[in-house]
Amino acid sequence: MSRKSSKREASKKLLSYQTLEPRKLLAGDVVISEFVASNLGSFLDTYEESPDWIELHNRGDAAVDLQGYHLTDDPADPSGWTFNAS
């Protein structure tokens, strides 16, 4: 075995693969268009509070039902905030 092929074999042994969690394709094309993660008064809601917020934009032509999808800022809690029925 040549030196080059033994290096290739050694590098193959170091590689590992992990599968991703199941994904669903949406009919539309939803993107995060804006967000504020630490709202320090830049936007006040109807209760005169300044919550964090996110804006989603559907760039596609088809309506998208996000019910059951989740947003999170904590990898340990992937379902931190769930979209409700509209």
Protein backbone atom coordinates (compact mmCIF):
# COMPACT_ATOMS: atom_id res chain seq x y z
CA MET A 1 0.00 0.00 0.00
CA SER A 2 1.40 3.38 -0.96
CA ARG A 3 1.82 6.17 1.53
CA LYS A 4 -0.84 8.25 -0.25
CA SER A 5 -3.47 5.50 -0.12
CA SER A 6 -2.74 4.73 3.56
CA LYS A 7 -3.33 8.43 4.42
CA ARG A 8 -6.62 8.32 2.52
CA GLU A 9 -7.71 5.18 4.38
CA ALA A 10 -6.76 6.74 7.73
CA SER A 11 -8.78 9.88 6.98
CA LYS A 12 -11.82 7.77 6.03
CA LYS A 13 -11.72 6.16 9.46
CA LEU A 14 -11.82 9.60 11.13
CA LEU A 15 -14.93 10.70 9.27
CA SER A 16 -18.32 10.06 10.77
CA TYR A 17 -21.79 10.92 9.58
CA GLN A 18 -24.89 11.90 11.51
CA THR A 19 -28.38 12.00 10.13
CA LEU A 20 -30.45 15.15 10.43
CA GLU A 21 -33.80 15.21 12.13
CA PRO A 22 -36.72 14.68 9.72
CA ARG A 23 -37.52 17.75 7.63
CA LYS A 24 -40.75 18.79 5.97
CA LEU A 25 -40.82 20.88 2.84
CA LEU A 26 -43.24 23.79 2.90
CA ALA A 27 -45.38 24.70 -0.08
CA GLY A 28 -44.28 28.34 0.27
CA ASP A 29 -40.90 29.92 0.79
CA VAL A 30 -40.85 31.23 4.37
CA VAL A 31 -37.83 33.22 5.57
CA ILE A 32 -37.00 35.21 8.70
CA SER A 33 -37.01 38.76 7.34
CA GLU A 34 -36.51 40.73 10.57
CA PHE A 35 -36.00 40.10 14.25
CA VAL A 36 -35.10 41.88 17.46
CA ALA A 37 -33.56 39.60 20.06
CA SER A 38 -32.99 42.19 22.79
CA ASN A 39 -35.62 44.86 22.43
CA LEU A 40 -34.54 47.72 24.67
CA GLY A 41 -37.45 49.97 23.78
CA SER A 42 -37.02 50.17 20.01
CA PHE A 43 -40.57 48.90 19.58
CA LEU A 44 -43.43 49.07 22.08
CA ASP A 45 -46.44 46.78 21.80
CA THR A 46 -50.03 47.66 22.69
CA TYR A 47 -49.22 47.02 26.38
CA GLU A 48 -46.36 49.56 26.26
CA GLU A 49 -43.87 46.70 26.69
CA SER A 50 -40.82 46.07 24.52
CA PRO A 51 -40.80 42.32 23.79
CA ASP A 52 -38.42 40.48 21.49
CA TRP A 53 -40.04 39.90 18.12
CA ILE A 54 -39.60 38.14 14.79
CA GLU A 55 -41.06 38.73 11.34
CA LEU A 56 -41.59 35.89 8.90
CA HIS A 57 -42.12 36.54 5.20
CA ASN A 58 -43.54 34.06 2.70
CA ARG A 59 -41.72 34.70 -0.58
CA GLY A 60 -43.78 32.04 -2.34
CA ASP A 61 -47.19 32.17 -3.96
CA ALA A 62 -48.75 29.37 -1.89
CA ALA A 63 -50.16 29.93 1.59
CA VAL A 64 -48.19 28.24 4.37
CA ASP A 65 -49.66 26.75 7.53
CA LEU A 66 -47.02 26.95 10.27
CA GLN A 67 -49.22 25.33 12.92
CA GLY A 68 -47.09 22.89 14.89
CA TYR A 69 -43.76 24.39 13.77
CA HIS A 70 -41.41 25.75 16.44
CA LEU A 71 -38.96 28.58 17.09
CA THR A 72 -36.31 28.44 19.79
CA ASP A 73 -33.19 30.15 21.04
CA ASP A 74 -32.15 27.14 23.12
CA PRO A 75 -30.82 24.00 21.38
CA ALA A 76 -31.76 21.99 24.50
CA ASP A 77 -35.42 23.03 24.02
CA PRO A 78 -36.17 22.79 20.27
CA SER A 79 -39.88 23.45 20.79
CA GLY A 80 -39.48 26.63 22.84
CA TRP A 81 -42.30 28.48 21.07
CA THR A 82 -44.93 26.73 18.92
CA PHE A 83 -47.06 28.31 16.22
CA ASN A 84 -50.77 28.00 16.98
CA ALA A 85 -53.63 27.67 14.51
CA SER A 86 -54.38 30.92 12.72
